[in-house]
Amino acid sequence: MIAELRAAGWVVILRVLKTNREHKDRFGLIDSILAEGGTRLPRVRFNQNTCKALIISMQSSPVIGDMKNDKSSEGSASVQQENSTRLSDCLQKSCGVQFPWIDGRT
């Protein structure tokens, strides 16, 4: 894949995520970004008409125990999988990779 991209003229820079942030840090990061309270934070907004599944996923991701997502919706036959916690997990991990300078306590 990398060779194909380079052959097509792309500049490929490999970045490996060595560790995932702790759950509490990911929640803090997303809360800080979505609150739009800091000047160092990116502004991230979601269109309620085109991002319904992500919004439902975030609203349906209760926190249990030690700041971890309740993953029961991922195995539930009664929950449409696009509305499970998977999308909110992707958002948390993506923001952690895209904005590594934000520690979640900004």
PDB file of N, CA and C in Angstrom:
ATOM      1  N   MET A   1       0.821  -1.184   0.000  1.00  0.00           N
ATOM      2  CA  MET A   1       0.000   0.000   0.000  1.00  0.00           C
ATOM      3  C   MET A   1       0.871   1.256   0.000  1.00  0.00           C
ATOM      4  N   ILE A   2       1.894   1.277   0.833  1.00  0.00           N
ATOM      5  CA  ILE A   2       2.768   2.449   0.917  1.00  0.00           C
ATOM      6  C   ILE A   2       3.488   2.666  -0.412  1.00  0.00           C
ATOM      7  N   ALA A   3       3.975   1.585  -1.000  1.00  0.00           N
ATOM      8  CA  ALA A   3       4.672   1.694  -2.281  1.00  0.00           C
ATOM      9  C   ALA A   3       3.734   2.217  -3.366  1.00  0.00           C
ATOM     10  N   GLU A   4       2.486   1.788  -3.334  1.00  0.00           N
ATOM     11  CA  GLU A   4       1.517   2.260  -4.324  1.00  0.00           C
ATOM     12  C   GLU A   4       1.242   3.753  -4.166  1.00  0.00           C
ATOM     13  N   LEU A   5       1.108   4.202  -2.928  1.00  0.00           N
ATOM     14  CA  LEU A   5       0.877   5.629  -2.690  1.00  0.00           C
ATOM     15  C   LEU A   5       2.075   6.463  -3.136  1.00  0.00           C
ATOM     16  N   ARG A   6       3.273   5.993  -2.802  1.00  0.00           N
ATOM     17  CA  ARG A   6       4.482   6.720  -3.211  1.00  0.00           C
ATOM     18  C   ARG A   6       4.619   6.754  -4.731  1.00  0.00           C
ATOM     19  N   ALA A   7       4.300   5.632  -5.367  1.00  0.00           N
ATOM     20  CA  ALA A   7       4.367   5.574  -6.830  1.00  0.00           C
ATOM     21  C   ALA A   7       3.380   6.543  -7.473  1.00  0.00           C
ATOM     22  N   ALA A   8       2.292   6.823  -6.770  1.00  0.00           N
ATOM     23  CA  ALA A   8       1.287   7.759  -7.275  1.00  0.00           C
ATOM     24  C   ALA A   8       1.634   9.206  -6.935  1.00  0.00           C
ATOM     25  N   GLY A   9       2.805   9.423  -6.289  1.00  0.00           N
ATOM     26  CA  GLY A   9       3.249  10.779  -6.001  1.00  0.00           C
ATOM     27  C   GLY A   9       2.971  11.285  -4.594  1.00  0.00           C
ATOM     28  N   TRP A  10       2.406  10.442  -3.764  1.00  0.00           N
ATOM     29  CA  TRP A  10       2.117  10.851  -2.388  1.00  0.00           C
ATOM     30  C   TRP A  10       3.389  10.805  -1.556  1.00  0.00           C
ATOM     31  N   VAL A  11       3.469  11.683  -0.557  1.00  0.00           N
ATOM     32  CA  VAL A  11       4.527  11.617   0.441  1.00  0.00           C
ATOM     33  C   VAL A  11       3.927  10.881   1.642  1.00  0.00           C
ATOM     34  N   VAL A  12       4.499   9.747   1.971  1.00  0.00           N
ATOM     35  CA  VAL A  12       3.964   8.909   3.045  1.00  0.00           C
ATOM     36  C   VAL A  12       4.871   9.024   4.261  1.00  0.00           C
ATOM     37  N   ILE A  13       4.280   9.391   5.391  1.00  0.00           N
ATOM     38  CA  ILE A  13       5.008   9.464   6.652  1.00  0.00           C
ATOM     39  C   ILE A  13       4.326   8.491   7.605  1.00  0.00           C
ATOM     40  N   LEU A  14       5.036   7.469   7.992  1.00  0.00           N
ATOM     41  CA  LEU A  14       4.470   6.486   8.910  1.00  0.00           C
ATOM     42  C   LEU A  14       4.530   7.005  10.332  1.00  0.00           C
ATOM     43  N   ARG A  15       3.419   6.940  11.001  1.00  0.00           N
ATOM     44  CA  ARG A  15       3.361   7.316  12.406  1.00  0.00           C
ATOM     45  C   ARG A  15       2.667   6.200  13.147  1.00  0.00           C
ATOM     46  N   VAL A  16       3.352   5.627  14.056  1.00  0.00           N
ATOM     47  CA  VAL A  16       2.812   4.499  14.801  1.00  0.00           C
ATOM     48  C   VAL A  16       2.370   4.983  16.171  1.00  0.00           C
ATOM     49  N   LEU A  17       1.143   4.665  16.508  1.00  0.00           N
ATOM     50  CA  LEU A  17       0.633   4.973  17.832  1.00  0.00           C
ATOM     51  C   LEU A  17       1.162   3.910  18.781  1.00  0.00           C
ATOM     52  N   LYS A  18       2.062   4.305  19.669  1.00  0.00           N
ATOM     53  CA  LYS A  18       2.719   3.334  20.538  1.00  0.00           C
ATOM     54  C   LYS A  18       1.823   2.871  21.677  1.00  0.00           C
ATOM     55  N   THR A  19       1.046   3.782  22.200  1.00  0.00           N
ATOM     56  CA  THR A  19       0.124   3.411  23.267  1.00  0.00           C
ATOM     57  C   THR A  19      -1.157   4.215  23.119  1.00  0.00           C
ATOM     58  N   ASN A  20      -2.234   3.633  23.541  1.00  0.00           N
ATOM     59  CA  ASN A  20      -3.493   4.356  23.589  1.00  0.00           C
ATOM     60  C   ASN A  20      -3.553   5.152  24.886  1.00  0.00           C
ATOM     61  N   ARG A  21      -4.206   6.277  24.822  1.00  0.00           N
ATOM     62  CA  ARG A  21      -4.415   7.057  26.043  1.00  0.00           C
ATOM     63  C   ARG A  21      -5.319   6.279  26.991  1.00  0.00           C
ATOM     64  N   GLU A  22      -5.195   6.593  28.251  1.00  0.00           N
ATOM     65  CA  GLU A  22      -6.102   6.013  29.239  1.00  0.00           C
ATOM     66  C   GLU A  22      -7.519   6.500  28.934  1.00  0.00           C
ATOM     67  N   HIS A  23      -8.509   5.701  29.341  1.00  0.00           N
ATOM     68  CA  HIS A  23      -9.903   6.064  29.078  1.00  0.00           C
ATOM     69  C   HIS A  23     -10.246   7.442  29.635  1.00  0.00           C
ATOM     70  N   LYS A  24      -9.835   7.701  30.861  1.00  0.00           N
ATOM     71  CA  LYS A  24     -10.173   8.991  31.477  1.00  0.00           C
ATOM     72  C   LYS A  24      -9.539  10.145  30.712  1.00  0.00           C
ATOM     73  N   ASP A  25      -8.349   9.938  30.141  1.00  0.00           N
ATOM     74  CA  ASP A  25      -7.707  10.996  29.356  1.00  0.00           C
ATOM     75  C   ASP A  25      -8.425  11.215  28.036  1.00  0.00           C
ATOM     76  N   ARG A  26      -8.906  10.126  27.420  1.00  0.00           N
ATOM     77  CA  ARG A  26      -9.660  10.267  26.170  1.00  0.00           C
ATOM     78  C   ARG A  26     -10.975  10.993  26.408  1.00  0.00           C
ATOM     79  N   PHE A  27     -11.666  10.643  27.501  1.00  0.00           N
ATOM     80  CA  PHE A  27     -12.912  11.339  27.819  1.00  0.00           C
ATOM     81  C   PHE A  27     -12.653  12.817  28.091  1.00  0.00           C
ATOM     82  N   GLY A  28     -11.593  13.105  28.837  1.00  0.00           N
ATOM     83  CA  GLY A  28     -11.247  14.494  29.119  1.00  0.00           C
ATOM     84  C   GLY A  28     -10.914  15.264  27.859  1.00  0.00           C
ATOM     85  N   LEU A  29     -10.202  14.619  26.947  1.00  0.00           N
ATOM     86  CA  LEU A  29      -9.852  15.252  25.680  1.00  0.00           C
ATOM     87  C   LEU A  29     -11.099  15.597  24.880  1.00  0.00           C
ATOM     88  N   ILE A  30     -11.987  14.632  24.703  1.00  0.00           N
ATOM     89  CA  ILE A  30     -13.204  14.870  23.926  1.00  0.00           C
ATOM     90  C   ILE A  30     -14.073  15.922  24.601  1.00  0.00           C
ATOM     91  N   ASP A  31     -14.215  15.835  25.915  1.00  0.00           N
ATOM     92  CA  ASP A  31     -15.010  16.842  26.631  1.00  0.00           C
ATOM     93  C   ASP A  31     -14.439  18.236  26.433  1.00  0.00           C
ATOM     94  N   SER A  32     -13.127  18.364  26.514  1.00  0.00           N
ATOM     95  CA  SER A  32     -12.484  19.668  26.339  1.00  0.00           C
ATOM     96  C   SER A  32     -12.690  20.206  24.927  1.00  0.00           C
ATOM     97  N   ILE A  33     -12.523  19.342  23.939  1.00  0.00           N
ATOM     98  CA  ILE A  33     -12.681  19.778  22.549  1.00  0.00           C
ATOM     99  C   ILE A  33     -14.126  20.181  22.267  1.00  0.00           C
ATOM    100  N   LEU A  34     -15.082  19.339  22.659  1.00  0.00           N
ATOM    101  CA  LEU A  34     -16.477  19.624  22.355  1.00  0.00           C
ATOM    102  C   LEU A  34     -17.020  20.821  23.132  1.00  0.00           C
ATOM    103  N   ALA A  35     -16.429  21.124  24.283  1.00  0.00           N
ATOM    104  CA  ALA A  35     -16.862  22.287  25.068  1.00  0.00           C
ATOM    105  C   ALA A  35     -16.404  23.595  24.434  1.00  0.00           C
ATOM    106  N   GLU A  36     -15.423  23.521  23.535  1.00  0.00           N
ATOM    107  CA  GLU A  36     -14.882  24.693  22.846  1.00  0.00           C
ATOM    108  C   GLU A  36     -14.452  25.774  23.842  1.00  0.00           C
ATOM    109  N   GLY A  37     -13.853  25.329  24.940  1.00  0.00           N
ATOM    110  CA  GLY A  37     -13.505  26.272  25.978  1.00  0.00           C
ATOM    111  C   GLY A  37     -12.078  26.786  25.961  1.00  0.00           C
ATOM    112  N   GLY A  38     -11.211  26.177  25.193  1.00  0.00           N
ATOM    113  CA  GLY A  38      -9.813  26.581  25.220  1.00  0.00           C
ATOM    114  C   GLY A  38      -9.353  27.144  23.893  1.00  0.00           C
ATOM    115  N   THR A  39      -8.411  28.052  23.948  1.00  0.00           N
ATOM    116  CA  THR A  39      -7.900  28.662  22.716  1.00  0.00           C
ATOM    117  C   THR A  39      -6.934  27.743  21.979  1.00  0.00           C
ATOM    118  N   ARG A  40      -6.333  26.799  22.668  1.00  0.00           N
ATOM    119  CA  ARG A  40      -5.399  25.858  22.025  1.00  0.00           C
ATOM    120  C   ARG A  40      -6.119  24.665  21.411  1.00  0.00           C
ATOM    121  N   LEU A  41      -7.400  24.561  21.638  1.00  0.00           N
ATOM    122  CA  LEU A  41      -8.146  23.394  21.188  1.00  0.00           C
ATOM    123  C   LEU A  41      -8.725  23.608  19.797  1.00  0.00           C
ATOM    124  N   PRO A  42      -8.770  22.542  19.006  1.00  0.00           N
ATOM    125  CA  PRO A  42      -9.441  22.649  17.708  1.00  0.00           C
ATOM    126  C   PRO A  42     -10.944  22.753  17.912  1.00  0.00           C
ATOM    127  N   ARG A  43     -11.631  23.331  16.969  1.00  0.00           N
ATOM    128  CA  ARG A  43     -13.096  23.402  17.033  1.00  0.00           C
ATOM    129  C   ARG A  43     -13.632  22.225  16.227  1.00  0.00           C
ATOM    130  N   VAL A  44     -14.368  21.356  16.884  1.00  0.00           N
ATOM    131  CA  VAL A  44     -14.942  20.178  16.246  1.00  0.00           C
ATOM    132  C   VAL A  44     -16.444  20.208  16.466  1.00  0.00           C
ATOM    133  N   ARG A  45     -17.178  20.185  15.365  1.00  0.00           N
ATOM    134  CA  ARG A  45     -18.638  20.172  15.432  1.00  0.00           C
ATOM    135  C   ARG A  45     -19.166  19.096  14.498  1.00  0.00           C
ATOM    136  N   PHE A  46     -20.372  18.626  14.777  1.00  0.00           N
ATOM    137  CA  PHE A  46     -20.968  17.559  13.984  1.00  0.00           C
ATOM    138  C   PHE A  46     -22.318  18.019  13.453  1.00  0.00           C
ATOM    139  N   ASN A  47     -22.560  17.756  12.187  1.00  0.00           N
ATOM    140  CA  ASN A  47     -23.825  18.092  11.562  1.00  0.00           C
ATOM    141  C   ASN A  47     -24.868  17.082  12.015  1.00  0.00           C
ATOM    142  N   GLN A  48     -25.935  17.563  12.630  1.00  0.00           N
ATOM    143  CA  GLN A  48     -26.935  16.653  13.174  1.00  0.00           C
ATOM    144  C   GLN A  48     -27.715  15.908  12.090  1.00  0.00           C
ATOM    145  N   ASN A  49     -27.653  16.391  10.858  1.00  0.00           N
ATOM    146  CA  ASN A  49     -28.364  15.717   9.769  1.00  0.00           C
ATOM    147  C   ASN A  49     -27.499  14.672   9.069  1.00  0.00           C
ATOM    148  N   THR A  50     -26.195  14.914   8.978  1.00  0.00           N
ATOM    149  CA  THR A  50     -25.332  13.984   8.253  1.00  0.00           C
ATOM    150  C   THR A  50     -24.500  13.099   9.173  1.00  0.00           C
ATOM    151  N   CYS A  51     -24.471  13.381  10.453  1.00  0.00           N
ATOM    152  CA  CYS A  51     -23.674  12.586  11.404  1.00  0.00           C
ATOM    153  C   CYS A  51     -24.547  11.996  12.508  1.00  0.00           C
ATOM    154  N   LYS A  52     -25.754  11.610  12.150  1.00  0.00           N
ATOM    155  CA  LYS A  52     -26.695  11.096  13.153  1.00  0.00           C
ATOM    156  C   LYS A  52     -26.139   9.895  13.911  1.00  0.00           C
ATOM    157  N   ALA A  53     -25.515   8.967  13.188  1.00  0.00           N
ATOM    158  CA  ALA A  53     -25.022   7.751  13.836  1.00  0.00           C
ATOM    159  C   ALA A  53     -23.951   8.063  14.875  1.00  0.00           C
ATOM    160  N   LEU A  54     -23.050   8.998  14.557  1.00  0.00           N
ATOM    161  CA  LEU A  54     -22.012   9.372  15.519  1.00  0.00           C
ATOM    162  C   LEU A  54     -22.622  10.042  16.745  1.00  0.00           C
ATOM    163  N   ILE A  55     -23.551  10.928  16.531  1.00  0.00           N
ATOM    164  CA  ILE A  55     -24.184  11.618  17.661  1.00  0.00           C
ATOM    165  C   ILE A  55     -24.921  10.622  18.544  1.00  0.00           C
ATOM    166  N   ILE A  56     -25.659   9.701  17.937  1.00  0.00           N
ATOM    167  CA  ILE A  56     -26.365   8.673  18.720  1.00  0.00           C
ATOM    168  C   ILE A  56     -25.362   7.798  19.461  1.00  0.00           C
ATOM    169  N   SER A  57     -24.258   7.454  18.792  1.00  0.00           N
ATOM    170  CA  SER A  57     -23.227   6.633  19.430  1.00  0.00           C
ATOM    171  C   SER A  57     -22.653   7.333  20.655  1.00  0.00           C
ATOM    172  N   MET A  58     -22.376   8.629  20.536  1.00  0.00           N
ATOM    173  CA  MET A  58     -21.828   9.370  21.681  1.00  0.00           C
ATOM    174  C   MET A  58     -22.850   9.463  22.805  1.00  0.00           C
ATOM    175  N   GLN A  59     -24.111   9.678  22.462  1.00  0.00           N
ATOM    176  CA  GLN A  59     -25.148   9.786  23.484  1.00  0.00           C
ATOM    177  C   GLN A  59     -25.447   8.440  24.138  1.00  0.00           C
ATOM    178  N   SER A  60     -25.147   7.359  23.422  1.00  0.00           N
ATOM    179  CA  SER A  60     -25.451   6.015  23.914  1.00  0.00           C
ATOM    180  C   SER A  60     -24.230   5.314  24.493  1.00  0.00           C
ATOM    181  N   SER A  61     -23.226   6.074  24.863  1.00  0.00           N
ATOM    182  CA  SER A  61     -21.987   5.489  25.387  1.00  0.00           C
ATOM    183  C   SER A  61     -21.834   5.821  26.864  1.00  0.00           C
ATOM    184  N   PRO A  62     -22.604   5.146  27.714  1.00  0.00           N
ATOM    185  CA  PRO A  62     -22.485   5.435  29.138  1.00  0.00           C
ATOM    186  C   PRO A  62     -21.121   5.005  29.684  1.00  0.00           C
ATOM    187  N   VAL A  63     -20.700   5.696  30.694  1.00  0.00           N
ATOM    188  CA  VAL A  63     -19.420   5.397  31.341  1.00  0.00           C
ATOM    189  C   VAL A  63     -19.704   4.521  32.555  1.00  0.00           C
ATOM    190  N   ILE A  64     -18.902   3.467  32.677  1.00  0.00           N
ATOM    191  CA  ILE A  64     -19.049   2.573  33.829  1.00  0.00           C
ATOM    192  C   ILE A  64     -17.700   2.432  34.519  1.00  0.00           C
ATOM    193  N   GLY A  65     -17.739   2.053  35.753  1.00  0.00           N
ATOM    194  CA  GLY A  65     -16.514   1.752  36.497  1.00  0.00           C
ATOM    195  C   GLY A  65     -15.462   2.842  36.418  1.00  0.00           C
ATOM    196  N   ASP A  66     -14.273   2.451  36.035  1.00  0.00           N
ATOM    197  CA  ASP A  66     -13.113   3.340  36.013  1.00  0.00           C
ATOM    198  C   ASP A  66     -13.037   4.109  34.696  1.00  0.00           C
ATOM    199  N   MET A  67     -14.069   4.923  34.412  1.00  0.00           N
ATOM    200  CA  MET A  67     -14.121   5.753  33.205  1.00  0.00           C
ATOM    201  C   MET A  67     -13.987   4.926  31.929  1.00  0.00           C
ATOM    202  N   LYS A  68     -14.708   3.827  31.847  1.00  0.00           N
ATOM    203  CA  LYS A  68     -14.694   2.994  30.646  1.00  0.00           C
ATOM    204  C   LYS A  68     -16.084   2.986  30.032  1.00  0.00           C
ATOM    205  N   ASN A  69     -16.124   2.829  28.712  1.00  0.00           N
ATOM    206  CA  ASN A  69     -17.406   2.761  28.019  1.00  0.00           C
ATOM    207  C   ASN A  69     -18.109   1.453  28.311  1.00  0.00           C
ATOM    208  N   ASP A  70     -19.420   1.529  28.422  1.00  0.00           N
ATOM    209  CA  ASP A  70     -20.250   0.336  28.501  1.00  0.00           C
ATOM    210  C   ASP A  70     -20.372  -0.198  27.073  1.00  0.00           C
ATOM    211  N   LYS A  71     -19.774  -1.331  26.802  1.00  0.00           N
ATOM    212  CA  LYS A  71     -19.719  -1.890  25.446  1.00  0.00           C
ATOM    213  C   LYS A  71     -20.880  -2.838  25.145  1.00  0.00           C
ATOM    214  N   SER A  72     -21.881  -2.904  25.998  1.00  0.00           N
ATOM    215  CA  SER A  72     -22.960  -3.875  25.808  1.00  0.00           C
ATOM    216  C   SER A  72     -23.727  -3.642  24.511  1.00  0.00           C
ATOM    217  N   SER A  73     -23.762  -2.412  24.012  1.00  0.00           N
ATOM    218  CA  SER A  73     -24.494  -2.137  22.773  1.00  0.00           C
ATOM    219  C   SER A  73     -23.830  -2.782  21.558  1.00  0.00           C
ATOM    220  N   GLU A  74     -22.533  -3.071  21.649  1.00  0.00           N
ATOM    221  CA  GLU A  74     -21.827  -3.662  20.512  1.00  0.00           C
ATOM    222  C   GLU A  74     -22.250  -5.099  20.256  1.00  0.00           C
ATOM    223  N   GLY A  75     -22.707  -5.781  21.260  1.00  0.00           N
ATOM    224  CA  GLY A  75     -23.132  -7.161  21.085  1.00  0.00           C
ATOM    225  C   GLY A  75     -24.637  -7.339  21.122  1.00  0.00           C
ATOM    226  N   SER A  76     -25.347  -6.245  21.210  1.00  0.00           N
ATOM    227  CA  SER A  76     -26.796  -6.312  21.339  1.00  0.00           C
ATOM    228  C   SER A  76     -27.470  -6.448  19.975  1.00  0.00           C
ATOM    229  N   ALA A  77     -28.388  -7.394  19.884  1.00  0.00           N
ATOM    230  CA  ALA A  77     -29.140  -7.582  18.635  1.00  0.00           C
ATOM    231  C   ALA A  77     -30.192  -6.497  18.462  1.00  0.00           C
ATOM    232  N   SER A  78     -30.569  -5.830  19.546  1.00  0.00           N
ATOM    233  CA  SER A  78     -31.617  -4.809  19.466  1.00  0.00           C
ATOM    234  C   SER A  78     -31.080  -3.426  19.104  1.00  0.00           C
ATOM    235  N   VAL A  79     -29.760  -3.274  19.095  1.00  0.00           N
ATOM    236  CA  VAL A  79     -29.150  -1.978  18.773  1.00  0.00           C
ATOM    237  C   VAL A  79     -28.533  -2.052  17.385  1.00  0.00           C
ATOM    238  N   GLN A  80     -28.906  -1.105  16.521  1.00  0.00           N
ATOM    239  CA  GLN A  80     -28.276  -1.051  15.207  1.00  0.00           C
ATOM    240  C   GLN A  80     -26.790  -0.768  15.422  1.00  0.00           C
ATOM    241  N   GLN A  81     -25.929  -1.506  14.752  1.00  0.00           N
ATOM    242  CA  GLN A  81     -24.494  -1.422  15.023  1.00  0.00           C
ATOM    243  C   GLN A  81     -23.904  -0.056  14.702  1.00  0.00           C
ATOM    244  N   GLU A  82     -24.481   0.680  13.763  1.00  0.00           N
ATOM    245  CA  GLU A  82     -23.972   2.025  13.513  1.00  0.00           C
ATOM    246  C   GLU A  82     -24.261   2.967  14.682  1.00  0.00           C
ATOM    247  N   ASN A  83     -25.148   2.565  15.584  1.00  0.00           N
ATOM    248  CA  ASN A  83     -25.464   3.369  16.762  1.00  0.00           C
ATOM    249  C   ASN A  83     -24.782   2.840  18.021  1.00  0.00           C
ATOM    250  N   SER A  84     -23.971   1.797  17.890  1.00  0.00           N
ATOM    251  CA  SER A  84     -23.273   1.250  19.054  1.00  0.00           C
ATOM    252  C   SER A  84     -22.119   2.176  19.439  1.00  0.00           C
ATOM    253  N   THR A  85     -21.350   1.768  20.418  1.00  0.00           N
ATOM    254  CA  THR A  85     -20.264   2.630  20.915  1.00  0.00           C
ATOM    255  C   THR A  85     -19.053   2.667  19.992  1.00  0.00           C
ATOM    256  N   ARG A  86     -19.060   1.906  18.921  1.00  0.00           N
ATOM    257  CA  ARG A  86     -17.877   1.834  18.052  1.00  0.00           C
ATOM    258  C   ARG A  86     -17.486   3.199  17.466  1.00  0.00           C
ATOM    259  N   LEU A  87     -18.454   3.969  16.988  1.00  0.00           N
ATOM    260  CA  LEU A  87     -18.129   5.272  16.390  1.00  0.00           C
ATOM    261  C   LEU A  87     -17.573   6.241  17.418  1.00  0.00           C
ATOM    262  N   SER A  88     -18.125   6.247  18.613  1.00  0.00           N
ATOM    263  CA  SER A  88     -17.595   7.157  19.634  1.00  0.00           C
ATOM    264  C   SER A  88     -16.173   6.746  20.030  1.00  0.00           C
ATOM    265  N   ASP A  89     -15.894   5.437  20.039  1.00  0.00           N
ATOM    266  CA  ASP A  89     -14.530   4.967  20.298  1.00  0.00           C
ATOM    267  C   ASP A  89     -13.573   5.454  19.211  1.00  0.00           C
ATOM    268  N   CYS A  90     -14.015   5.357  17.965  1.00  0.00           N
ATOM    269  CA  CYS A  90     -13.177   5.830  16.849  1.00  0.00           C
ATOM    270  C   CYS A  90     -12.894   7.326  16.976  1.00  0.00           C
ATOM    271  N   LEU A  91     -13.893   8.087  17.362  1.00  0.00           N
ATOM    272  CA  LEU A  91     -13.705   9.529  17.546  1.00  0.00           C
ATOM    273  C   LEU A  91     -12.669   9.799  18.632  1.00  0.00           C
ATOM    274  N   GLN A  92     -12.795   9.113  19.758  1.00  0.00           N
ATOM    275  CA  GLN A  92     -11.843   9.313  20.856  1.00  0.00           C
ATOM    276  C   GLN A  92     -10.421   8.990  20.424  1.00  0.00           C
ATOM    277  N   LYS A  93     -10.243   7.862  19.767  1.00  0.00           N
ATOM    278  CA  LYS A  93      -8.897   7.459  19.351  1.00  0.00           C
ATOM    279  C   LYS A  93      -8.353   8.371  18.265  1.00  0.00           C
ATOM    280  N   SER A  94      -9.211   8.761  17.340  1.00  0.00           N
ATOM    281  CA  SER A  94      -8.792   9.652  16.266  1.00  0.00           C
ATOM    282  C   SER A  94      -8.332  10.998  16.810  1.00  0.00           C
ATOM    283  N   CYS A  95      -9.080  11.563  17.736  1.00  0.00           N
ATOM    284  CA  CYS A  95      -8.684  12.848  18.331  1.00  0.00           C
ATOM    285  C   CYS A  95      -7.378  12.708  19.100  1.00  0.00           C
ATOM    286  N   GLY A  96      -7.192  11.586  19.753  1.00  0.00           N
ATOM    287  CA  GLY A  96      -5.940  11.357  20.475  1.00  0.00           C
ATOM    288  C   GLY A  96      -4.738  11.321  19.557  1.00  0.00           C
ATOM    289  N   VAL A  97      -4.920  10.795  18.345  1.00  0.00           N
ATOM    290  CA  VAL A  97      -3.833  10.722  17.378  1.00  0.00           C
ATOM    291  C   VAL A  97      -3.635  12.065  16.680  1.00  0.00           C
ATOM    292  N   GLN A  98      -4.726  12.714  16.310  1.00  0.00           N
ATOM    293  CA  GLN A  98      -4.640  13.974  15.564  1.00  0.00           C
ATOM    294  C   GLN A  98      -4.192  15.144  16.424  1.00  0.00           C
ATOM    295  N   PHE A  99      -4.486  15.103  17.697  1.00  0.00           N
ATOM    296  CA  PHE A  99      -4.171  16.217  18.589  1.00  0.00           C
ATOM    297  C   PHE A  99      -3.352  15.742  19.783  1.00  0.00           C
ATOM    298  N   PRO A 100      -2.148  15.226  19.555  1.00  0.00           N
ATOM    299  CA  PRO A 100      -1.373  14.630  20.651  1.00  0.00           C
ATOM    300  C   PRO A 100      -0.902  15.639  21.688  1.00  0.00           C
ATOM    301  N   TRP A 101      -0.879  16.918  21.361  1.00  0.00           N
ATOM    302  CA  TRP A 101      -0.407  17.923  22.310  1.00  0.00           C
ATOM    303  C   TRP A 101      -1.455  18.256  23.365  1.00  0.00           C
ATOM    304  N   ILE A 102      -2.676  17.810  23.166  1.00  0.00           N
ATOM    305  CA  ILE A 102      -3.750  18.093  24.124  1.00  0.00           C
ATOM    306  C   ILE A 102      -3.783  16.967  25.142  1.00  0.00           C
ATOM    307  N   ASP A 103      -3.681  17.303  26.403  1.00  0.00           N
ATOM    308  CA  ASP A 103      -3.590  16.258  27.422  1.00  0.00           C
ATOM    309  C   ASP A 103      -4.927  15.894  28.040  1.00  0.00           C
ATOM    310  N   GLY A 104      -6.022  16.517  27.604  1.00  0.00           N
ATOM    311  CA  GLY A 104      -7.330  16.192  28.160  1.00  0.00           C
ATOM    312  C   GLY A 104      -7.666  16.967  29.404  1.00  0.00           C
ATOM    313  N   ARG A 105      -6.731  17.775  29.876  1.00  0.00           N
ATOM    314  CA  ARG A 105      -6.981  18.583  31.065  1.00  0.00           C
ATOM    315  C   ARG A 105      -6.779  20.064  30.724  1.00  0.00           C
ATOM    316  N   THR A 106      -6.855  20.385  29.424  1.00  0.00           N
ATOM    317  CA  THR A 106      -6.625  21.749  28.948  1.00  0.00           C
ATOM    318  C   THR A 106      -7.740  22.674  29.363  1.00  0.00           C
TER     319      THR A 106
END
